[in-house]
Each structure stands twice: as structure tokens, then as C-alpha cells.
mmCIF file of all heavy atoms, coordinates in Angstrom:
data_MODEL
# 
_entry.id   MODEL 
# 
loop_
_atom_site.group_PDB 
_atom_site.id 
_atom_site.type_symbol 
_atom_site.label_atom_id 
_atom_site.label_alt_id 
_atom_site.label_comp_id 
_atom_site.label_asym_id 
_atom_site.label_entity_id 
_atom_site.label_seq_id 
_atom_site.pdbx_PDB_ins_code 
_atom_site.Cartn_x 
_atom_site.Cartn_y 
_atom_site.Cartn_z 
_atom_site.occupancy 
_atom_site.B_iso_or_equiv 
_atom_site.pdbx_formal_charge 
_atom_site.auth_seq_id 
_atom_site.auth_comp_id 
_atom_site.auth_asym_id 
_atom_site.auth_atom_id 
_atom_site.pdbx_PDB_model_num 
ATOM 1   N N   . PRO A 1 1  ? 3.171  5.648  1.230   1.00 0.00 ? 1  PRO A N   1 
ATOM 2   C CA  . PRO A 1 1  ? 1.870  5.407  0.809   1.00 0.00 ? 1  PRO A CA  1 
ATOM 3   C C   . PRO A 1 1  ? 1.388  4.088  1.328   1.00 0.00 ? 1  PRO A C   1 
ATOM 4   O O   . PRO A 1 1  ? 2.158  3.115  1.331   1.00 0.00 ? 1  PRO A O   1 
ATOM 5   C CB  . PRO A 1 1  ? 2.077  5.492  -0.786  1.00 0.00 ? 1  PRO A CB  1 
ATOM 6   C CG  . PRO A 1 1  ? 3.231  6.322  -0.914  1.00 0.00 ? 1  PRO A CG  1 
ATOM 7   C CD  . PRO A 1 1  ? 4.140  6.147  0.078   1.00 0.00 ? 1  PRO A CD  1 
ATOM 8   N N   . LYS A 1 2  ? 0.035  3.975  1.516   1.00 0.00 ? 2  LYS A N   1 
ATOM 9   C CA  . LYS A 1 2  ? -0.517 2.708  2.148   1.00 0.00 ? 2  LYS A CA  1 
ATOM 10  C C   . LYS A 1 2  ? -0.224 1.483  1.226   1.00 0.00 ? 2  LYS A C   1 
ATOM 11  O O   . LYS A 1 2  ? -0.100 0.446  1.527   1.00 0.00 ? 2  LYS A O   1 
ATOM 12  C CB  . LYS A 1 2  ? -1.959 3.060  2.390   1.00 0.00 ? 2  LYS A CB  1 
ATOM 13  C CG  . LYS A 1 2  ? -2.600 1.837  3.188   1.00 0.00 ? 2  LYS A CG  1 
ATOM 14  C CD  . LYS A 1 2  ? -4.164 2.078  3.363   1.00 0.00 ? 2  LYS A CD  1 
ATOM 15  C CE  . LYS A 1 2  ? -4.176 3.095  4.513   1.00 0.00 ? 2  LYS A CE  1 
ATOM 16  N NZ  . LYS A 1 2  ? -5.596 3.344  4.957   1.00 0.00 ? 2  LYS A NZ  1 
ATOM 17  N N   . ASP A 1 3  ? -0.419 1.740  -0.126  1.00 0.00 ? 3  ASP A N   1 
ATOM 18  C CA  . ASP A 1 3  ? -0.396 0.752  -1.082  1.00 0.00 ? 3  ASP A CA  1 
ATOM 19  C C   . ASP A 1 3  ? 1.138  0.148  -1.109  1.00 0.00 ? 3  ASP A C   1 
ATOM 20  O O   . ASP A 1 3  ? 1.232  -1.067 -1.215  1.00 0.00 ? 3  ASP A O   1 
ATOM 21  C CB  . ASP A 1 3  ? -0.670 1.257  -2.449  1.00 0.00 ? 3  ASP A CB  1 
ATOM 22  C CG  . ASP A 1 3  ? -2.111 1.538  -2.574  1.00 0.00 ? 3  ASP A CG  1 
ATOM 23  O OD1 . ASP A 1 3  ? -2.989 1.143  -1.793  1.00 0.00 ? 3  ASP A OD1 1 
ATOM 24  O OD2 . ASP A 1 3  ? -2.452 2.372  -3.570  1.00 0.00 ? 3  ASP A OD2 1 
ATOM 25  N N   . SER A 1 4  ? 2.050  1.045  -0.904  1.00 0.00 ? 4  SER A N   1 
ATOM 26  C CA  . SER A 1 4  ? 3.468  0.629  -1.012  1.00 0.00 ? 4  SER A CA  1 
ATOM 27  C C   . SER A 1 4  ? 3.813  -0.349 0.259   1.00 0.00 ? 4  SER A C   1 
ATOM 28  O O   . SER A 1 4  ? 4.646  -1.074 0.315   1.00 0.00 ? 4  SER A O   1 
ATOM 29  C CB  . SER A 1 4  ? 4.439  1.720  -1.017  1.00 0.00 ? 4  SER A CB  1 
ATOM 30  O OG  . SER A 1 4  ? 4.405  2.576  0.092   1.00 0.00 ? 4  SER A OG  1 
ATOM 31  N N   . ARG A 1 5  ? 3.085  -0.060 1.355   1.00 0.00 ? 5  ARG A N   1 
ATOM 32  C CA  . ARG A 1 5  ? 3.360  -0.864 2.592   1.00 0.00 ? 5  ARG A CA  1 
ATOM 33  C C   . ARG A 1 5  ? 2.854  -2.337 2.372   1.00 0.00 ? 5  ARG A C   1 
ATOM 34  O O   . ARG A 1 5  ? 3.393  -3.267 2.915   1.00 0.00 ? 5  ARG A O   1 
ATOM 35  C CB  . ARG A 1 5  ? 2.658  -0.309 3.846   1.00 0.00 ? 5  ARG A CB  1 
ATOM 36  C CG  . ARG A 1 5  ? 3.349  0.925  4.333   1.00 0.00 ? 5  ARG A CG  1 
ATOM 37  C CD  . ARG A 1 5  ? 2.471  1.543  5.621   1.00 0.00 ? 5  ARG A CD  1 
ATOM 38  N NE  . ARG A 1 5  ? 3.060  2.709  6.051   1.00 0.00 ? 5  ARG A NE  1 
ATOM 39  C CZ  . ARG A 1 5  ? 4.006  2.760  7.021   1.00 0.00 ? 5  ARG A CZ  1 
ATOM 40  N NH1 . ARG A 1 5  ? 4.476  1.654  7.476   1.00 0.00 ? 5  ARG A NH1 1 
ATOM 41  N NH2 . ARG A 1 5  ? 4.417  4.002  7.357   1.00 0.00 ? 5  ARG A NH2 1 
ATOM 42  N N   . ALA A 1 6  ? 1.754  -2.517 1.554   1.00 0.00 ? 6  ALA A N   1 
ATOM 43  C CA  . ALA A 1 6  ? 1.178  -3.749 1.352   1.00 0.00 ? 6  ALA A CA  1 
ATOM 44  C C   . ALA A 1 6  ? 1.965  -4.647 0.313   1.00 0.00 ? 6  ALA A C   1 
ATOM 45  O O   . ALA A 1 6  ? 1.872  -5.808 0.408   1.00 0.00 ? 6  ALA A O   1 
ATOM 46  C CB  . ALA A 1 6  ? -0.271 -3.633 0.955   1.00 0.00 ? 6  ALA A CB  1 
ATOM 47  N N   . LYS A 1 7  ? 2.568  -4.020 -0.466  1.00 0.00 ? 7  LYS A N   1 
ATOM 48  C CA  . LYS A 1 7  ? 3.335  -4.653 -1.623  1.00 0.00 ? 7  LYS A CA  1 
ATOM 49  C C   . LYS A 1 7  ? 4.841  -4.455 -1.485  1.00 0.00 ? 7  LYS A C   1 
ATOM 50  O O   . LYS A 1 7  ? 5.310  -3.268 -1.556  1.00 0.00 ? 7  LYS A O   1 
ATOM 51  C CB  . LYS A 1 7  ? 2.825  -4.089 -3.013  1.00 0.00 ? 7  LYS A CB  1 
ATOM 52  C CG  . LYS A 1 7  ? 1.291  -4.301 -3.124  1.00 0.00 ? 7  LYS A CG  1 
ATOM 53  C CD  . LYS A 1 7  ? 1.020  -3.756 -4.539  1.00 0.00 ? 7  LYS A CD  1 
ATOM 54  C CE  . LYS A 1 7  ? -0.561 -3.857 -4.667  1.00 0.00 ? 7  LYS A CE  1 
ATOM 55  N NZ  . LYS A 1 7  ? -1.083 -3.342 -6.037  1.00 0.00 ? 7  LYS A NZ  1 
ATOM 56  N N   . SER A 1 8  ? 5.524  -5.577 -1.480  1.00 0.00 ? 8  SER A N   1 
ATOM 57  C CA  . SER A 1 8  ? 6.997  -5.483 -1.424  1.00 0.00 ? 8  SER A CA  1 
ATOM 58  C C   . SER A 1 8  ? 7.625  -5.194 -2.710  1.00 0.00 ? 8  SER A C   1 
ATOM 59  O O   . SER A 1 8  ? 8.757  -4.674 -2.865  1.00 0.00 ? 8  SER A O   1 
ATOM 60  C CB  . SER A 1 8  ? 7.696  -6.794 -0.903  1.00 0.00 ? 8  SER A CB  1 
ATOM 61  O OG  . SER A 1 8  ? 7.212  -7.744 -1.798  1.00 0.00 ? 8  SER A OG  1 
ATOM 62  N N   . ASP A 1 9  ? 6.853  -5.283 -3.801  1.00 0.00 ? 9  ASP A N   1 
ATOM 63  C CA  . ASP A 1 9  ? 7.452  -5.012 -5.205  1.00 0.00 ? 9  ASP A CA  1 
ATOM 64  C C   . ASP A 1 9  ? 6.732  -3.886 -5.792  1.00 0.00 ? 9  ASP A C   1 
ATOM 65  O O   . ASP A 1 9  ? 6.528  -3.719 -7.088  1.00 0.00 ? 9  ASP A O   1 
ATOM 66  C CB  . ASP A 1 9  ? 7.284  -6.332 -6.011  1.00 0.00 ? 9  ASP A CB  1 
ATOM 67  C CG  . ASP A 1 9  ? 5.818  -6.794 -6.182  1.00 0.00 ? 9  ASP A CG  1 
ATOM 68  O OD1 . ASP A 1 9  ? 5.007  -6.245 -5.465  1.00 0.00 ? 9  ASP A OD1 1 
ATOM 69  O OD2 . ASP A 1 9  ? 5.521  -7.618 -7.000  1.00 0.00 ? 9  ASP A OD2 1 
ATOM 70  N N   . SER A 1 10 ? 6.297  -2.916 -4.994  1.00 0.00 ? 10 SER A N   1 
ATOM 71  C CA  . SER A 1 10 ? 5.548  -1.788 -5.507  1.00 0.00 ? 10 SER A CA  1 
ATOM 72  C C   . SER A 1 10 ? 6.281  -0.791 -6.363  1.00 0.00 ? 10 SER A C   1 
ATOM 73  O O   . SER A 1 10 ? 7.654  -0.769 -6.091  1.00 0.00 ? 10 SER A O   1 
ATOM 74  C CB  . SER A 1 10 ? 4.768  -0.922 -4.378  1.00 0.00 ? 10 SER A CB  1 
ATOM 75  O OG  . SER A 1 10 ? 4.294  0.133  -4.805  1.00 0.00 ? 10 SER A OG  1 
ATOM 76  N N   . ASP A 1 11 ? 5.690  -0.224 -7.286  1.00 0.00 ? 11 ASP A N   1 
ATOM 77  C CA  . ASP A 1 11 ? 6.353  0.699  -8.211  1.00 0.00 ? 11 ASP A CA  1 
ATOM 78  C C   . ASP A 1 11 ? 6.545  2.140  -7.579  1.00 0.00 ? 11 ASP A C   1 
ATOM 79  O O   . ASP A 1 11 ? 7.464  2.934  -8.000  1.00 0.00 ? 11 ASP A O   1 
ATOM 80  C CB  . ASP A 1 11 ? 5.560  0.896  -9.490  1.00 0.00 ? 11 ASP A CB  1 
ATOM 81  C CG  . ASP A 1 11 ? 5.602  -0.227 -10.416 1.00 0.00 ? 11 ASP A CG  1 
ATOM 82  O OD1 . ASP A 1 11 ? 6.509  -1.142 -10.173 1.00 0.00 ? 11 ASP A OD1 1 
ATOM 83  O OD2 . ASP A 1 11 ? 4.638  -0.494 -11.063 1.00 0.00 ? 11 ASP A OD2 1 
ATOM 84  N N   . ILE A 1 12 ? 5.768  2.305  -6.408  1.00 0.00 ? 12 ILE A N   1 
ATOM 85  C CA  . ILE A 1 12 ? 5.907  3.641  -5.741  1.00 0.00 ? 12 ILE A CA  1 
ATOM 86  C C   . ILE A 1 12 ? 6.847  3.361  -4.619  1.00 0.00 ? 12 ILE A C   1 
ATOM 87  O O   . ILE A 1 12 ? 6.580  2.737  -3.650  1.00 0.00 ? 12 ILE A O   1 
ATOM 88  C CB  . ILE A 1 12 ? 4.603  4.036  -5.340  1.00 0.00 ? 12 ILE A CB  1 
ATOM 89  C CG1 . ILE A 1 12 ? 3.612  4.084  -6.380  1.00 0.00 ? 12 ILE A CG1 1 
ATOM 90  C CG2 . ILE A 1 12 ? 4.683  5.423  -4.508  1.00 0.00 ? 12 ILE A CG2 1 
ATOM 91  C CD1 . ILE A 1 12 ? 2.110  4.479  -5.970  1.00 0.00 ? 12 ILE A CD1 1 
ATOM 92  N N   . CYS A 1 13 ? 8.062  3.939  -4.626  1.00 0.00 ? 13 CYS A N   1 
ATOM 93  C CA  . CYS A 1 13 ? 9.153  3.795  -3.662  1.00 0.00 ? 13 CYS A CA  1 
ATOM 94  C C   . CYS A 1 13 ? 9.645  5.192  -3.112  1.00 0.00 ? 13 CYS A C   1 
ATOM 95  O O   . CYS A 1 13 ? 9.651  6.045  -4.016  1.00 0.00 ? 13 CYS A O   1 
ATOM 96  C CB  . CYS A 1 13 ? 10.229 3.010  -4.098  1.00 0.00 ? 13 CYS A CB  1 
ATOM 97  S SG  . CYS A 1 13 ? 9.773  1.261  -4.616  1.00 0.00 ? 13 CYS A SG  1 
ATOM 98  N N   . GLN A 1 14 ? 9.882  5.200  -1.823  1.00 0.00 ? 14 GLN A N   1 
ATOM 99  C CA  . GLN A 1 14 ? 10.584 6.402  -1.345  1.00 0.00 ? 14 GLN A CA  1 
ATOM 100 C C   . GLN A 1 14 ? 11.881 6.181  -0.727  1.00 0.00 ? 14 GLN A C   1 
ATOM 101 O O   . GLN A 1 14 ? 12.052 5.272  0.170   1.00 0.00 ? 14 GLN A O   1 
ATOM 102 C CB  . GLN A 1 14 ? 9.598  7.061  -0.382  1.00 0.00 ? 14 GLN A CB  1 
ATOM 103 C CG  . GLN A 1 14 ? 10.135 8.340  0.319   1.00 0.00 ? 14 GLN A CG  1 
ATOM 104 C CD  . GLN A 1 14 ? 9.171  9.015  1.169   1.00 0.00 ? 14 GLN A CD  1 
ATOM 105 O OE1 . GLN A 1 14 ? 8.003  8.652  1.166   1.00 0.00 ? 14 GLN A OE1 1 
ATOM 106 N NE2 . GLN A 1 14 ? 9.666  10.010 2.031   1.00 0.00 ? 14 GLN A NE2 1 
ATOM 107 N N   . LYS A 1 15 ? 12.913 6.803  -1.231  1.00 0.00 ? 15 LYS A N   1 
ATOM 108 C CA  . LYS A 1 15 ? 14.216 6.540  -0.818  1.00 0.00 ? 15 LYS A CA  1 
ATOM 109 C C   . LYS A 1 15 ? 14.398 7.171  0.639   1.00 0.00 ? 15 LYS A C   1 
ATOM 110 O O   . LYS A 1 15 ? 14.044 8.224  1.012   1.00 0.00 ? 15 LYS A O   1 
ATOM 111 C CB  . LYS A 1 15 ? 15.281 7.192  -1.659  1.00 0.00 ? 15 LYS A CB  1 
ATOM 112 C CG  . LYS A 1 15 ? 16.770 6.779  -1.382  1.00 0.00 ? 15 LYS A CG  1 
ATOM 113 C CD  . LYS A 1 15 ? 17.671 7.400  -2.324  1.00 0.00 ? 15 LYS A CD  1 
ATOM 114 C CE  . LYS A 1 15 ? 19.133 7.066  -2.002  1.00 0.00 ? 15 LYS A CE  1 
ATOM 115 N NZ  . LYS A 1 15 ? 20.085 7.656  -3.045  1.00 0.00 ? 15 LYS A NZ  1 
ATOM 116 N N   . CYS A 1 16 ? 15.201 6.324  1.561   1.00 0.00 ? 16 CYS A N   1 
ATOM 117 C CA  . CYS A 1 16 ? 15.301 6.847  2.910   1.00 0.00 ? 16 CYS A CA  1 
ATOM 118 C C   . CYS A 1 16 ? 16.312 8.038  2.819   1.00 0.00 ? 16 CYS A C   1 
ATOM 119 O O   . CYS A 1 16 ? 17.288 7.927  2.055   1.00 0.00 ? 16 CYS A O   1 
ATOM 120 C CB  . CYS A 1 16 ? 15.743 5.602  3.853   1.00 0.00 ? 16 CYS A CB  1 
ATOM 121 S SG  . CYS A 1 16 ? 14.647 4.326  4.154   1.00 0.00 ? 16 CYS A SG  1 
ATOM 122 N N   . PRO A 1 17 ? 16.247 8.709  3.773   1.00 0.00 ? 17 PRO A N   1 
ATOM 123 C CA  . PRO A 1 17 ? 17.311 9.922  3.969   1.00 0.00 ? 17 PRO A CA  1 
ATOM 124 C C   . PRO A 1 17 ? 18.697 9.300  4.208   1.00 0.00 ? 17 PRO A C   1 
ATOM 125 O O   . PRO A 1 17 ? 18.691 8.104  4.625   1.00 0.00 ? 17 PRO A O   1 
ATOM 126 C CB  . PRO A 1 17 ? 16.773 10.770 5.088   1.00 0.00 ? 17 PRO A CB  1 
ATOM 127 C CG  . PRO A 1 17 ? 15.298 10.508 5.235   1.00 0.00 ? 17 PRO A CG  1 
ATOM 128 C CD  . PRO A 1 17 ? 15.247 8.944  4.776   1.00 0.00 ? 17 PRO A CD  1 
ATOM 129 N N   . GLU A 1 18 ? 19.740 10.123 4.112   1.00 0.00 ? 18 GLU A N   1 
ATOM 130 C CA  . GLU A 1 18 ? 21.092 9.539  4.115   1.00 0.00 ? 18 GLU A CA  1 
ATOM 131 C C   . GLU A 1 18 ? 21.399 9.036  5.636   1.00 0.00 ? 18 GLU A C   1 
ATOM 132 O O   . GLU A 1 18 ? 22.190 8.321  5.781   1.00 0.00 ? 18 GLU A O   1 
ATOM 133 C CB  . GLU A 1 18 ? 22.035 10.650 3.818   1.00 0.00 ? 18 GLU A CB  1 
ATOM 134 C CG  . GLU A 1 18 ? 23.387 10.150 3.537   1.00 0.00 ? 18 GLU A CG  1 
ATOM 135 C CD  . GLU A 1 18 ? 24.443 11.093 2.871   1.00 0.00 ? 18 GLU A CD  1 
ATOM 136 O OE1 . GLU A 1 18 ? 24.256 12.335 3.278   1.00 0.00 ? 18 GLU A OE1 1 
ATOM 137 O OE2 . GLU A 1 18 ? 25.302 10.740 2.119   1.00 0.00 ? 18 GLU A OE2 1 
ATOM 138 N N   . ASP A 1 19 ? 20.737 9.717  6.575   1.00 0.00 ? 19 ASP A N   1 
ATOM 139 C CA  . ASP A 1 19 ? 20.988 9.207  7.992   1.00 0.00 ? 19 ASP A CA  1 
ATOM 140 C C   . ASP A 1 19 ? 20.044 8.205  8.498   1.00 0.00 ? 19 ASP A C   1 
ATOM 141 O O   . ASP A 1 19 ? 20.045 7.955  9.767   1.00 0.00 ? 19 ASP A O   1 
ATOM 142 C CB  . ASP A 1 19 ? 20.858 10.465 8.914   1.00 0.00 ? 19 ASP A CB  1 
ATOM 143 C CG  . ASP A 1 19 ? 19.547 11.251 8.821   1.00 0.00 ? 19 ASP A CG  1 
ATOM 144 O OD1 . ASP A 1 19 ? 18.748 10.834 7.949   1.00 0.00 ? 19 ASP A OD1 1 
ATOM 145 O OD2 . ASP A 1 19 ? 19.313 11.975 9.788   1.00 0.00 ? 19 ASP A OD2 1 
ATOM 146 N N   . GLN A 1 20 ? 19.286 7.634  7.596   1.00 0.00 ? 20 GLN A N   1 
ATOM 147 C CA  . GLN A 1 20 ? 18.454 6.480  8.105   1.00 0.00 ? 20 GLN A CA  1 
ATOM 148 C C   . GLN A 1 20 ? 18.739 5.245  7.090   1.00 0.00 ? 20 GLN A C   1 
ATOM 149 O O   . GLN A 1 20 ? 19.302 5.412  6.055   1.00 0.00 ? 20 GLN A O   1 
ATOM 150 C CB  . GLN A 1 20 ? 16.920 6.931  7.866   1.00 0.00 ? 20 GLN A CB  1 
ATOM 151 C CG  . GLN A 1 20 ? 16.546 8.025  8.919   1.00 0.00 ? 20 GLN A CG  1 
ATOM 152 C CD  . GLN A 1 20 ? 15.144 8.459  8.848   1.00 0.00 ? 20 GLN A CD  1 
ATOM 153 O OE1 . GLN A 1 20 ? 14.226 7.698  8.391   1.00 0.00 ? 20 GLN A OE1 1 
ATOM 154 N NE2 . GLN A 1 20 ? 14.840 9.603  9.209   1.00 0.00 ? 20 GLN A NE2 1 
ATOM 155 N N   . TRP A 1 21 ? 18.022 4.076  7.645   1.00 0.00 ? 21 TRP A N   1 
ATOM 156 C CA  . TRP A 1 21 ? 18.367 2.868  6.904   1.00 0.00 ? 21 TRP A CA  1 
ATOM 157 C C   . TRP A 1 21 ? 16.953 2.009  6.771   1.00 0.00 ? 21 TRP A C   1 
ATOM 158 O O   . TRP A 1 21 ? 16.276 2.127  7.768   1.00 0.00 ? 21 TRP A O   1 
ATOM 159 C CB  . TRP A 1 21 ? 19.296 2.048  7.796   1.00 0.00 ? 21 TRP A CB  1 
ATOM 160 C CG  . TRP A 1 21 ? 19.864 0.823  7.048   1.00 0.00 ? 21 TRP A CG  1 
ATOM 161 C CD1 . TRP A 1 21 ? 19.557 -0.407 7.461   1.00 0.00 ? 21 TRP A CD1 1 
ATOM 162 C CD2 . TRP A 1 21 ? 20.735 0.695  5.982   1.00 0.00 ? 21 TRP A CD2 1 
ATOM 163 N NE1 . TRP A 1 21 ? 20.191 -1.341 6.767   1.00 0.00 ? 21 TRP A NE1 1 
ATOM 164 C CE2 . TRP A 1 21 ? 20.879 -0.724 5.708   1.00 0.00 ? 21 TRP A CE2 1 
ATOM 165 C CE3 . TRP A 1 21 ? 21.424 1.629  5.263   1.00 0.00 ? 21 TRP A CE3 1 
ATOM 166 C CZ2 . TRP A 1 21 ? 21.691 -1.166 4.761   1.00 0.00 ? 21 TRP A CZ2 1 
ATOM 167 C CZ3 . TRP A 1 21 ? 22.210 1.157  4.251   1.00 0.00 ? 21 TRP A CZ3 1 
ATOM 168 C CH2 . TRP A 1 21 ? 22.394 -0.310 3.984   1.00 0.00 ? 21 TRP A CH2 1 
ATOM 169 N N   . PRO A 1 22 ? 16.727 1.417  5.670   1.00 0.00 ? 22 PRO A N   1 
ATOM 170 C CA  . PRO A 1 22 ? 15.477 0.687  5.562   1.00 0.00 ? 22 PRO A CA  1 
ATOM 171 C C   . PRO A 1 22 ? 15.509 -0.644 6.281   1.00 0.00 ? 22 PRO A C   1 
ATOM 172 O O   . PRO A 1 22 ? 16.503 -1.220 6.471   1.00 0.00 ? 22 PRO A O   1 
ATOM 173 C CB  . PRO A 1 22 ? 15.336 0.478  3.958   1.00 0.00 ? 22 PRO A CB  1 
ATOM 174 C CG  . PRO A 1 22 ? 16.765 0.417  3.536   1.00 0.00 ? 22 PRO A CG  1 
ATOM 175 C CD  . PRO A 1 22 ? 17.427 1.494  4.359   1.00 0.00 ? 22 PRO A CD  1 
ATOM 176 N N   . ASP A 1 23 ? 14.366 -1.129 6.657   1.00 0.00 ? 23 ASP A N   1 
ATOM 177 C CA  . ASP A 1 23 ? 14.246 -2.449 7.416   1.00 0.00 ? 23 ASP A CA  1 
ATOM 178 C C   . ASP A 1 23 ? 14.365 -3.485 6.275   1.00 0.00 ? 23 ASP A C   1 
ATOM 179 O O   . ASP A 1 23 ? 14.272 -3.184 5.199   1.00 0.00 ? 23 ASP A O   1 
ATOM 180 C CB  . ASP A 1 23 ? 12.912 -2.507 8.134   1.00 0.00 ? 23 ASP A CB  1 
ATOM 181 C CG  . ASP A 1 23 ? 11.713 -2.437 7.234   1.00 0.00 ? 23 ASP A CG  1 
ATOM 182 O OD1 . ASP A 1 23 ? 11.900 -2.045 6.006   1.00 0.00 ? 23 ASP A OD1 1 
ATOM 183 O OD2 . ASP A 1 23 ? 10.592 -2.926 7.718   1.00 0.00 ? 23 ASP A OD2 1 
ATOM 184 N N   . PRO A 1 24 ? 14.589 -4.804 6.805   1.00 0.00 ? 24 PRO A N   1 
ATOM 185 C CA  . PRO A 1 24 ? 14.596 -5.891 5.760   1.00 0.00 ? 24 PRO A CA  1 
ATOM 186 C C   . PRO A 1 24 ? 13.448 -5.952 4.788   1.00 0.00 ? 24 PRO A C   1 
ATOM 187 O O   . PRO A 1 24 ? 13.645 -6.293 3.671   1.00 0.00 ? 24 PRO A O   1 
ATOM 188 C CB  . PRO A 1 24 ? 14.610 -7.088 6.632   1.00 0.00 ? 24 PRO A CB  1 
ATOM 189 C CG  . PRO A 1 24 ? 15.158 -6.571 7.973   1.00 0.00 ? 24 PRO A CG  1 
ATOM 190 C CD  . PRO A 1 24 ? 14.623 -5.267 8.090   1.00 0.00 ? 24 PRO A CD  1 
ATOM 191 N N   . GLY A 1 25 ? 12.189 -5.570 5.162   1.00 0.00 ? 25 GLY A N   1 
ATOM 192 C CA  . GLY A 1 25 ? 10.991 -5.606 4.274   1.00 0.00 ? 25 GLY A CA  1 
ATOM 193 C C   . GLY A 1 25 ? 10.934 -4.385 3.334   1.00 0.00 ? 25 GLY A C   1 
ATOM 194 O O   . GLY A 1 25 ? 10.066 -4.335 2.459   1.00 0.00 ? 25 GLY A O   1 
ATOM 195 N N   . LYS A 1 26 ? 11.936 -3.512 3.499   1.00 0.00 ? 26 LYS A N   1 
ATOM 196 C CA  . LYS A 1 26 ? 11.844 -2.246 2.663   1.00 0.00 ? 26 LYS A CA  1 
ATOM 197 C C   . LYS A 1 26 ? 10.682 -1.375 2.843   1.00 0.00 ? 26 LYS A C   1 
ATOM 198 O O   . LYS A 1 26 ? 10.127 -0.764 1.777   1.00 0.00 ? 26 LYS A O   1 
ATOM 199 C CB  . LYS A 1 26 ? 12.188 -2.653 1.106   1.00 0.00 ? 26 LYS A CB  1 
ATOM 200 C CG  . LYS A 1 26 ? 13.372 -3.439 0.854   1.00 0.00 ? 26 LYS A CG  1 
ATOM 201 C CD  . LYS A 1 26 ? 14.718 -2.778 1.220   1.00 0.00 ? 26 LYS A CD  1 
ATOM 202 C CE  . LYS A 1 26 ? 15.896 -3.514 0.825   1.00 0.00 ? 26 LYS A CE  1 
ATOM 203 N NZ  . LYS A 1 26 ? 17.105 -2.925 1.289   1.00 0.00 ? 26 LYS A NZ  1 
ATOM 204 N N   . THR A 1 27 ? 9.981  -1.450 4.006   1.00 0.00 ? 27 THR A N   1 
ATOM 205 C CA  . THR A 1 27 ? 8.711  -0.657 4.110   1.00 0.00 ? 27 THR A CA  1 
ATOM 206 C C   . THR A 1 27 ? 8.871  0.445  5.092   1.00 0.00 ? 27 THR A C   1 
ATOM 207 O O   . THR A 1 27 ? 8.021  1.232  5.131   1.00 0.00 ? 27 THR A O   1 
ATOM 208 C CB  . THR A 1 27 ? 7.631  -1.721 4.710   1.00 0.00 ? 27 THR A CB  1 
ATOM 209 O OG1 . THR A 1 27 ? 8.041  -2.258 5.956   1.00 0.00 ? 27 THR A OG1 1 
ATOM 210 C CG2 . THR A 1 27 ? 7.411  -2.849 3.677   1.00 0.00 ? 27 THR A CG2 1 
ATOM 211 N N   . ARG A 1 28 ? 9.918  0.496  5.822   1.00 0.00 ? 28 ARG A N   1 
ATOM 212 C CA  . ARG A 1 28 ? 10.033 1.591  6.835   1.00 0.00 ? 28 ARG A CA  1 
ATOM 213 C C   . ARG A 1 28 ? 11.590 2.070  6.928   1.00 0.00 ? 28 ARG A C   1 
ATOM 214 O O   . ARG A 1 28 ? 12.421 1.225  6.574   1.00 0.00 ? 28 ARG A O   1 
ATOM 215 C CB  . ARG A 1 28 ? 9.566  1.159  8.263   1.00 0.00 ? 28 ARG A CB  1 
ATOM 216 C CG  . ARG A 1 28 ? 8.113  0.774  8.204   1.00 0.00 ? 28 ARG A CG  1 
ATOM 217 C CD  . ARG A 1 28 ? 7.740  0.420  9.704   1.00 0.00 ? 28 ARG A CD  1 
ATOM 218 N NE  . ARG A 1 28 ? 7.792  1.596  10.557  1.00 0.00 ? 28 ARG A NE  1 
ATOM 219 C CZ  . ARG A 1 28 ? 7.537  1.480  11.864  1.00 0.00 ? 28 ARG A CZ  1 
ATOM 220 N NH1 . ARG A 1 28 ? 7.351  0.369  12.409  1.00 0.00 ? 28 ARG A NH1 1 
ATOM 221 N NH2 . ARG A 1 28 ? 7.606  2.513  12.535  1.00 0.00 ? 28 ARG A NH2 1 
# 
């Protein structure tokens, strides 16, 4: 969600699949 990209402490989070890894900013 667009809002979650703008906020690093957003309440709306989506867990990455098991074969993927989040970037340091936890946005992708």
C-alpha cells in the first residue's frame, strides 16, 4: 500500500514470501 511506503512505522505491513528478503527500509 502507498501509505506503508511513505511511513517506516506503518501499522499496515505485508510479510515477504519465504523466498524473498526485505530491503533495509522494510519497504520492498
